[in-house]
Amino acid sequence: VASIGSVGTQYADFVKGRFTISRATARNTVYL
């Protein structure tokens, strides 16, 4: 669906524009 890392963010075409991934790196938490 989506991924986030130091090199950037990636979204599947079917969710792009609708979903947003984010990350609280210090807490090892990812959100969608």
Full PDB file with SEQRES, HELIX, SHEET, SSBOND, CRYST1, ORIGX, SCALE, CONECT and MASTER records, all heavy atoms in Angstrom:
SEQRES   1 A   32  VAL ALA SER ILE GLY SER VAL GLY THR GLN TYR ALA ASP          
SEQRES   2 A   32  PHE VAL LYS GLY ARG PHE THR ILE SER ARG ALA THR ALA          
SEQRES   3 A   32  ARG ASN THR VAL TYR LEU                                      
HELIX    1 AA1 THR A   25  ARG A   27  5                                   3    
SHEET    1 AA1 2 ALA A   2  GLY A   5  0                                        
SHEET    2 AA1 2 GLY A   8  TYR A  11 -1                                        
SHEET    1 AA2 2 SER A  22  ALA A  24  0                                        
SHEET    2 AA2 2 THR A  29  TYR A  31 -1                                        
CRYST1    1.000    1.000    1.000  90.00  90.00  90.00 P 1           1          
ORIGX1      1.000000  0.000000  0.000000        0.00000                         
ORIGX2      0.000000  1.000000  0.000000        0.00000                         
ORIGX3      0.000000  0.000000  1.000000        0.00000                         
SCALE1      1.000000  0.000000  0.000000        0.00000                         
SCALE2      0.000000  1.000000  0.000000        0.00000                         
SCALE3      0.000000  0.000000  1.000000        0.00000                         
ATOM      1  N   VAL A   1       0.836  -1.194   0.000  1.00  0.00           N  
ATOM      2  CA  VAL A   1       0.000   0.000   0.000  1.00  0.00           C  
ATOM      3  C   VAL A   1       0.875   1.250   0.000  1.00  0.00           C  
ATOM      4  O   VAL A   1       0.719   2.133  -0.845  1.00  0.00           O  
ATOM      5  CB  VAL A   1      -0.954   0.023   1.211  1.00  0.00           C  
ATOM      6  CG1 VAL A   1      -1.776   1.309   1.229  1.00  0.00           C  
ATOM      7  CG2 VAL A   1      -1.860  -1.197   1.184  1.00  0.00           C  
ATOM      8  N   ALA A   2       1.787   1.320   0.949  1.00  0.00           N  
ATOM      9  CA  ALA A   2       2.679   2.465   1.060  1.00  0.00           C  
ATOM     10  C   ALA A   2       3.861   2.094   1.932  1.00  0.00           C  
ATOM     11  O   ALA A   2       3.763   1.227   2.793  1.00  0.00           O  
ATOM     12  CB  ALA A   2       1.954   3.684   1.648  1.00  0.00           C  
ATOM     13  N   SER A   3       4.969   2.758   1.713  1.00  0.00           N  
ATOM     14  CA  SER A   3       6.158   2.539   2.529  1.00  0.00           C  
ATOM     15  C   SER A   3       6.896   3.848   2.705  1.00  0.00           C  
ATOM     16  O   SER A   3       6.771   4.767   1.891  1.00  0.00           O  
ATOM     17  CB  SER A   3       7.071   1.480   1.915  1.00  0.00           C  
ATOM     18  OG  SER A   3       7.574   1.899   0.662  1.00  0.00           O  
ATOM     19  N   ILE A   4       7.682   3.903   3.767  1.00  0.00           N  
ATOM     20  CA  ILE A   4       8.452   5.108   4.051  1.00  0.00           C  
ATOM     21  C   ILE A   4       9.787   4.708   4.657  1.00  0.00           C  
ATOM     22  O   ILE A   4       9.868   3.853   5.530  1.00  0.00           O  
ATOM     23  CB  ILE A   4       7.664   6.063   4.973  1.00  0.00           C  
ATOM     24  CG1 ILE A   4       8.414   7.383   5.168  1.00  0.00           C  
ATOM     25  CG2 ILE A   4       7.336   5.400   6.307  1.00  0.00           C  
ATOM     26  CD1 ILE A   4       7.561   8.466   5.815  1.00  0.00           C  
ATOM     27  N   GLY A   5      10.842   5.325   4.174  1.00  0.00           N  
ATOM     28  CA  GLY A   5      12.177   5.071   4.661  1.00  0.00           C  
ATOM     29  C   GLY A   5      13.061   6.269   4.415  1.00  0.00           C  
ATOM     30  O   GLY A   5      12.603   7.328   3.965  1.00  0.00           O  
ATOM     31  N   SER A   6      14.327   6.090   4.713  1.00  0.00           N  
ATOM     32  CA  SER A   6      15.262   7.197   4.562  1.00  0.00           C  
ATOM     33  C   SER A   6      15.414   7.646   3.117  1.00  0.00           C  
ATOM     34  O   SER A   6      15.778   8.799   2.863  1.00  0.00           O  
ATOM     35  CB  SER A   6      16.629   6.806   5.135  1.00  0.00           C  
ATOM     36  OG  SER A   6      17.174   5.694   4.452  1.00  0.00           O  
ATOM     37  N   VAL A   7      15.139   6.759   2.188  1.00  0.00           N  
ATOM     38  CA  VAL A   7      15.287   7.090   0.769  1.00  0.00           C  
ATOM     39  C   VAL A   7      14.034   7.690   0.162  1.00  0.00           C  
ATOM     40  O   VAL A   7      14.060   8.128  -0.986  1.00  0.00           O  
ATOM     41  CB  VAL A   7      15.727   5.866  -0.047  1.00  0.00           C  
ATOM     42  CG1 VAL A   7      17.081   5.371   0.424  1.00  0.00           C  
ATOM     43  CG2 VAL A   7      14.684   4.763   0.031  1.00  0.00           C  
ATOM     44  N   GLY A   8      12.944   7.695   0.903  1.00  0.00           N  
ATOM     45  CA  GLY A   8      11.738   8.301   0.375  1.00  0.00           C  
ATOM     46  C   GLY A   8      10.465   7.554   0.710  1.00  0.00           C  
ATOM     47  O   GLY A   8      10.464   6.621   1.514  1.00  0.00           O  
ATOM     48  N   THR A   9       9.405   7.980   0.068  1.00  0.00           N  
ATOM     49  CA  THR A   9       8.074   7.432   0.288  1.00  0.00           C  
ATOM     50  C   THR A   9       7.546   6.841  -1.004  1.00  0.00           C  
ATOM     51  O   THR A   9       7.758   7.399  -2.091  1.00  0.00           O  
ATOM     52  CB  THR A   9       7.121   8.524   0.793  1.00  0.00           C  
ATOM     53  OG1 THR A   9       7.643   9.101   1.990  1.00  0.00           O  
ATOM     54  CG2 THR A   9       5.740   7.958   1.077  1.00  0.00           C  
ATOM     55  N   GLN A  10       6.860   5.724  -0.892  1.00  0.00           N  
ATOM     56  CA  GLN A  10       6.294   5.047  -2.051  1.00  0.00           C  
ATOM     57  C   GLN A  10       4.834   4.740  -1.791  1.00  0.00           C  
ATOM     58  O   GLN A  10       4.470   4.308  -0.700  1.00  0.00           O  
ATOM     59  CB  GLN A  10       7.062   3.760  -2.346  1.00  0.00           C  
ATOM     60  CG  GLN A  10       6.568   3.005  -3.568  1.00  0.00           C  
ATOM     61  CD  GLN A  10       7.353   1.735  -3.824  1.00  0.00           C  
ATOM     62  OE1 GLN A  10       8.129   1.290  -2.980  1.00  0.00           O  
ATOM     63  NE2 GLN A  10       7.159   1.144  -4.990  1.00  0.00           N  
ATOM     64  N   TYR A  11       4.005   4.930  -2.812  1.00  0.00           N  
ATOM     65  CA  TYR A  11       2.588   4.623  -2.739  1.00  0.00           C  
ATOM     66  C   TYR A  11       2.184   3.760  -3.908  1.00  0.00           C  
ATOM     67  O   TYR A  11       2.660   3.947  -5.031  1.00  0.00           O  
ATOM     68  CB  TYR A  11       1.741   5.893  -2.770  1.00  0.00           C  
ATOM     69  CG  TYR A  11       1.869   6.783  -1.563  1.00  0.00           C  
ATOM     70  CD1 TYR A  11       2.745   7.860  -1.559  1.00  0.00           C  
ATOM     71  CD2 TYR A  11       1.091   6.561  -0.435  1.00  0.00           C  
ATOM     72  CE1 TYR A  11       2.849   8.682  -0.455  1.00  0.00           C  
ATOM     73  CE2 TYR A  11       1.192   7.379   0.671  1.00  0.00           C  
ATOM     74  CZ  TYR A  11       2.076   8.439   0.659  1.00  0.00           C  
ATOM     75  OH  TYR A  11       2.178   9.262   1.758  1.00  0.00           O  
ATOM     76  N   ALA A  12       1.280   2.840  -3.650  1.00  0.00           N  
ATOM     77  CA  ALA A  12       0.644   2.123  -4.738  1.00  0.00           C  
ATOM     78  C   ALA A  12      -0.247   3.077  -5.519  1.00  0.00           C  
ATOM     79  O   ALA A  12      -0.826   4.012  -4.953  1.00  0.00           O  
ATOM     80  CB  ALA A  12      -0.178   0.962  -4.197  1.00  0.00           C  
ATOM     81  N   ASP A  13      -0.364   2.833  -6.813  1.00  0.00           N  
ATOM     82  CA  ASP A  13      -1.159   3.717  -7.649  1.00  0.00           C  
ATOM     83  C   ASP A  13      -2.611   3.810  -7.187  1.00  0.00           C  
ATOM     84  O   ASP A  13      -3.240   4.865  -7.313  1.00  0.00           O  
ATOM     85  CB  ASP A  13      -1.109   3.248  -9.108  1.00  0.00           C  
ATOM     86  CG  ASP A  13       0.228   3.508  -9.768  1.00  0.00           C  
ATOM     87  OD1 ASP A  13       1.010   4.336  -9.251  1.00  0.00           O  
ATOM     88  OD2 ASP A  13       0.490   2.888 -10.815  1.00  0.00           O  
ATOM     89  N   PHE A  14      -3.126   2.727  -6.656  1.00  0.00           N  
ATOM     90  CA  PHE A  14      -4.540   2.706  -6.312  1.00  0.00           C  
ATOM     91  C   PHE A  14      -4.874   3.487  -5.048  1.00  0.00           C  
ATOM     92  O   PHE A  14      -6.053   3.665  -4.733  1.00  0.00           O  
ATOM     93  CB  PHE A  14      -5.052   1.257  -6.202  1.00  0.00           C  
ATOM     94  CG  PHE A  14      -4.272   0.373  -5.281  1.00  0.00           C  
ATOM     95  CD1 PHE A  14      -4.492   0.395  -3.917  1.00  0.00           C  
ATOM     96  CD2 PHE A  14      -3.321  -0.507  -5.783  1.00  0.00           C  
ATOM     97  CE1 PHE A  14      -3.778  -0.430  -3.064  1.00  0.00           C  
ATOM     98  CE2 PHE A  14      -2.600  -1.337  -4.936  1.00  0.00           C  
ATOM     99  CZ  PHE A  14      -2.826  -1.298  -3.575  1.00  0.00           C  
ATOM    100  N   VAL A  15      -3.862   3.961  -4.324  1.00  0.00           N  
ATOM    101  CA  VAL A  15      -4.128   4.761  -3.123  1.00  0.00           C  
ATOM    102  C   VAL A  15      -3.531   6.161  -3.200  1.00  0.00           C  
ATOM    103  O   VAL A  15      -3.849   7.003  -2.345  1.00  0.00           O  
ATOM    104  CB  VAL A  15      -3.621   4.068  -1.847  1.00  0.00           C  
ATOM    105  CG1 VAL A  15      -4.257   2.694  -1.697  1.00  0.00           C  
ATOM    106  CG2 VAL A  15      -2.102   3.979  -1.834  1.00  0.00           C  
ATOM    107  N   LYS A  16      -2.713   6.403  -4.184  1.00  0.00           N  
ATOM    108  CA  LYS A  16      -2.044   7.698  -4.275  1.00  0.00           C  
ATOM    109  C   LYS A  16      -3.070   8.821  -4.397  1.00  0.00           C  
ATOM    110  O   LYS A  16      -3.992   8.760  -5.193  1.00  0.00           O  
ATOM    111  CB  LYS A  16      -1.084   7.721  -5.460  1.00  0.00           C  
ATOM    112  CG  LYS A  16      -0.124   8.897  -5.439  1.00  0.00           C  
ATOM    113  CD  LYS A  16       0.981   8.740  -6.466  1.00  0.00           C  
ATOM    114  CE  LYS A  16       2.004   9.850  -6.354  1.00  0.00           C  
ATOM    115  NZ  LYS A  16       3.121   9.673  -7.314  1.00  0.00           N  
ATOM    116  N   GLY A  17      -2.881   9.844  -3.582  1.00  0.00           N  
ATOM    117  CA  GLY A  17      -3.819  10.949  -3.541  1.00  0.00           C  
ATOM    118  C   GLY A  17      -4.898  10.783  -2.500  1.00  0.00           C  
ATOM    119  O   GLY A  17      -5.608  11.757  -2.197  1.00  0.00           O  
ATOM    120  N   ARG A  18      -5.041   9.592  -1.961  1.00  0.00           N  
ATOM    121  CA  ARG A  18      -6.047   9.325  -0.940  1.00  0.00           C  
ATOM    122  C   ARG A  18      -5.426   8.968   0.405  1.00  0.00           C  
ATOM    123  O   ARG A  18      -5.958   9.328   1.450  1.00  0.00           O  
ATOM    124  CB  ARG A  18      -6.981   8.192  -1.372  1.00  0.00           C  
ATOM    125  CG  ARG A  18      -7.752   8.481  -2.651  1.00  0.00           C  
ATOM    126  CD  ARG A  18      -8.803   7.402  -2.902  1.00  0.00           C  
ATOM    127  NE  ARG A  18      -8.194   6.090  -3.139  1.00  0.00           N  
ATOM    128  CZ  ARG A  18      -8.476   4.990  -2.437  1.00  0.00           C  
ATOM    129  NH1 ARG A  18      -9.376   5.043  -1.453  1.00  0.00           N  
ATOM    130  NH2 ARG A  18      -7.894   3.841  -2.724  1.00  0.00           N  
ATOM    131  N   PHE A  19      -4.319   8.222   0.366  1.00  0.00           N  
ATOM    132  CA  PHE A  19      -3.665   7.761   1.588  1.00  0.00           C  
ATOM    133  C   PHE A  19      -2.364   8.520   1.801  1.00  0.00           C  
ATOM    134  O   PHE A  19      -1.687   8.911   0.843  1.00  0.00           O  
ATOM    135  CB  PHE A  19      -3.331   6.270   1.506  1.00  0.00           C  
ATOM    136  CG  PHE A  19      -4.512   5.338   1.476  1.00  0.00           C  
ATOM    137  CD1 PHE A  19      -5.811   5.805   1.376  1.00  0.00           C  
ATOM    138  CD2 PHE A  19      -4.299   3.966   1.549  1.00  0.00           C  
ATOM    139  CE1 PHE A  19      -6.888   4.935   1.338  1.00  0.00           C  
ATOM    140  CE2 PHE A  19      -5.367   3.089   1.519  1.00  0.00           C  
ATOM    141  CZ  PHE A  19      -6.662   3.563   1.412  1.00  0.00           C  
ATOM    142  N   THR A  20      -1.995   8.682   3.058  1.00  0.00           N  
ATOM    143  CA  THR A  20      -0.743   9.314   3.415  1.00  0.00           C  
ATOM    144  C   THR A  20      -0.045   8.499   4.488  1.00  0.00           C  
ATOM    145  O   THR A  20      -0.642   8.190   5.520  1.00  0.00           O  
ATOM    146  CB  THR A  20      -0.952  10.748   3.924  1.00  0.00           C  
ATOM    147  OG1 THR A  20      -1.634  11.525   2.932  1.00  0.00           O  
ATOM    148  CG2 THR A  20       0.391  11.403   4.227  1.00  0.00           C  
ATOM    149  N   ILE A  21       1.206   8.150   4.235  1.00  0.00           N  
ATOM    150  CA  ILE A  21       1.989   7.426   5.223  1.00  0.00           C  
ATOM    151  C   ILE A  21       2.910   8.405   5.936  1.00  0.00           C  
ATOM    152  O   ILE A  21       3.443   9.334   5.328  1.00  0.00           O  
ATOM    153  CB  ILE A  21       2.793   6.275   4.574  1.00  0.00           C  
ATOM    154  CG1 ILE A  21       3.414   5.376   5.646  1.00  0.00           C  
ATOM    155  CG2 ILE A  21       3.839   6.797   3.609  1.00  0.00           C  
ATOM    156  CD1 ILE A  21       3.987   4.079   5.090  1.00  0.00           C  
ATOM    157  N   SER A  22       3.084   8.204   7.222  1.00  0.00           N  
ATOM    158  CA  SER A  22       3.994   9.021   8.002  1.00  0.00           C  
ATOM    159  C   SER A  22       4.649   8.154   9.059  1.00  0.00           C  
ATOM    160  O   SER A  22       4.209   7.037   9.331  1.00  0.00           O  
ATOM    161  CB  SER A  22       3.270  10.214   8.641  1.00  0.00           C  
ATOM    162  OG  SER A  22       2.242   9.782   9.508  1.00  0.00           O  
ATOM    163  N   ARG A  23       5.703   8.687   9.649  1.00  0.00           N  
ATOM    164  CA  ARG A  23       6.486   7.889  10.582  1.00  0.00           C  
ATOM    165  C   ARG A  23       7.014   8.756  11.703  1.00  0.00           C  
ATOM    166  O   ARG A  23       7.523   9.849  11.465  1.00  0.00           O  
ATOM    167  CB  ARG A  23       7.637   7.220   9.835  1.00  0.00           C  
ATOM    168  CG  ARG A  23       8.559   6.367  10.676  1.00  0.00           C  
ATOM    169  CD  ARG A  23       9.663   5.783   9.815  1.00  0.00           C  
ATOM    170  NE  ARG A  23      10.661   5.073  10.597  1.00  0.00           N  
ATOM    171  CZ  ARG A  23      11.755   4.523  10.104  1.00  0.00           C  
ATOM    172  NH1 ARG A  23      11.985   4.593   8.798  1.00  0.00           N  
ATOM    173  NH2 ARG A  23      12.612   3.903  10.894  1.00  0.00           N  
ATOM    174  N   ALA A  24       6.879   8.253  12.914  1.00  0.00           N  
ATOM    175  CA  ALA A  24       7.526   8.841  14.076  1.00  0.00           C  
ATOM    176  C   ALA A  24       8.753   7.990  14.361  1.00  0.00           C  
ATOM    177  O   ALA A  24       8.686   6.996  15.080  1.00  0.00           O  
ATOM    178  CB  ALA A  24       6.585   8.880  15.267  1.00  0.00           C  
ATOM    179  N   THR A  25       9.857   8.381  13.772  1.00  0.00           N  
ATOM    180  CA  THR A  25      11.046   7.541  13.770  1.00  0.00           C  
ATOM    181  C   THR A  25      11.541   7.207  15.168  1.00  0.00           C  
ATOM    182  O   THR A  25      11.909   6.063  15.452  1.00  0.00           O  
ATOM    183  CB  THR A  25      12.169   8.228  12.972  1.00  0.00           C  
ATOM    184  OG1 THR A  25      11.696   8.546  11.661  1.00  0.00           O  
ATOM    185  CG2 THR A  25      13.380   7.320  12.857  1.00  0.00           C  
ATOM    186  N   ALA A  26      11.560   8.194  16.044  1.00  0.00           N  
ATOM    187  CA  ALA A  26      12.079   7.986  17.389  1.00  0.00           C  
ATOM    188  C   ALA A  26      11.254   6.987  18.181  1.00  0.00           C  
ATOM    189  O   ALA A  26      11.763   6.359  19.109  1.00  0.00           O  
ATOM    190  CB  ALA A  26      12.164   9.313  18.132  1.00  0.00           C  
ATOM    191  N   ARG A  27      10.000   6.852  17.832  1.00  0.00           N  
ATOM    192  CA  ARG A  27       9.116   5.929  18.542  1.00  0.00           C  
ATOM    193  C   ARG A  27       8.845   4.661  17.747  1.00  0.00           C  
ATOM    194  O   ARG A  27       8.031   3.840  18.165  1.00  0.00           O  
ATOM    195  CB  ARG A  27       7.798   6.622  18.884  1.00  0.00           C  
ATOM    196  CG  ARG A  27       7.972   7.832  19.790  1.00  0.00           C  
ATOM    197  CD  ARG A  27       6.657   8.315  20.366  1.00  0.00           C  
ATOM    198  NE  ARG A  27       5.778   8.856  19.350  1.00  0.00           N  
ATOM    199  CZ  ARG A  27       4.619   8.307  18.999  1.00  0.00           C  
ATOM    200  NH1 ARG A  27       4.210   7.198  19.602  1.00  0.00           N  
ATOM    201  NH2 ARG A  27       3.867   8.878  18.071  1.00  0.00           N  
ATOM    202  N   ASN A  28       9.520   4.496  16.605  1.00  0.00           N  
ATOM    203  CA  ASN A  28       9.329   3.328  15.744  1.00  0.00           C  
ATOM    204  C   ASN A  28       7.850   3.066  15.480  1.00  0.00           C  
ATOM    205  O   ASN A  28       7.357   1.941  15.622  1.00  0.00           O  
ATOM    206  CB  ASN A  28       9.993   2.092  16.349  1.00  0.00           C  
ATOM    207  CG  ASN A  28      11.504   2.157  16.297  1.00  0.00           C  
ATOM    208  OD1 ASN A  28      12.079   2.708  15.351  1.00  0.00           O  
ATOM    209  ND2 ASN A  28      12.166   1.585  17.289  1.00  0.00           N  
ATOM    210  N   THR A  29       7.179   4.118  15.108  1.00  0.00           N  
ATOM    211  CA  THR A  29       5.753   4.051  14.840  1.00  0.00           C  
ATOM    212  C   THR A  29       5.475   4.577  13.436  1.00  0.00           C  
ATOM    213  O   THR A  29       6.039   5.593  13.029  1.00  0.00           O  
ATOM    214  CB  THR A  29       4.964   4.867  15.868  1.00  0.00           C  
ATOM    215  OG1 THR A  29       5.245   4.375  17.187  1.00  0.00           O  
ATOM    216  CG2 THR A  29       3.472   4.765  15.614  1.00  0.00           C  
ATOM    217  N   VAL A  30       4.615   3.881  12.722  1.00  0.00           N  
ATOM    218  CA  VAL A  30       4.233   4.298  11.385  1.00  0.00           C  
ATOM    219  C   VAL A  30       2.719   4.418  11.332  1.00  0.00           C  
ATOM    220  O   VAL A  30       1.998   3.651  11.973  1.00  0.00           O  
ATOM    221  CB  VAL A  30       4.769   3.319  10.317  1.00  0.00           C  
ATOM    222  CG1 VAL A  30       4.154   1.940  10.471  1.00  0.00           C  
ATOM    223  CG2 VAL A  30       4.547   3.868   8.915  1.00  0.00           C  
ATOM    224  N   TYR A  31       2.245   5.397  10.561  1.00  0.00           N  
ATOM    225  CA  TYR A  31       0.827   5.678  10.454  1.00  0.00           C  
ATOM    226  C   TYR A  31       0.397   5.624   9.001  1.00  0.00           C  
ATOM    227  O   TYR A  31       1.178   5.850   8.085  1.00  0.00           O  
ATOM    228  CB  TYR A  31       0.503   7.069  11.012  1.00  0.00           C  
ATOM    229  CG  TYR A  31       1.000   7.307  12.414  1.00  0.00           C  
ATOM    230  CD1 TYR A  31       2.252   7.886  12.639  1.00  0.00           C  
ATOM    231  CD2 TYR A  31       0.226   6.961  13.511  1.00  0.00           C  
ATOM    232  CE1 TYR A  31       2.710   8.108  13.923  1.00  0.00           C  
ATOM    233  CE2 TYR A  31       0.679   7.179  14.800  1.00  0.00           C  
ATOM    234  CZ  TYR A  31       1.921   7.756  14.998  1.00  0.00           C  
ATOM    235  OH  TYR A  31       2.372   7.970  16.277  1.00  0.00           O  
ATOM    236  N   LEU A  32      -0.860   5.342   8.809  1.00  0.00           N  
ATOM    237  CA  LEU A  32      -1.455   5.402   7.479  1.00  0.00           C  
ATOM    238  C   LEU A  32      -2.784   6.125   7.587  1.00  0.00           C  
ATOM    239  O   LEU A  32      -3.742   5.579   8.144  1.00  0.00           O  
ATOM    240  CB  LEU A  32      -1.651   4.007   6.884  1.00  0.00           C  
ATOM    241  CG  LEU A  32      -2.143   3.970   5.438  1.00  0.00           C  
ATOM    242  CD1 LEU A  32      -1.064   4.497   4.494  1.00  0.00           C  
ATOM    243  CD2 LEU A  32      -2.552   2.555   5.043  1.00  0.00           C  
TER     244      LEU A  32                                                      
MASTER        0    0    0    1    4    0    0    6  243    1    0    3          
END                                                                             
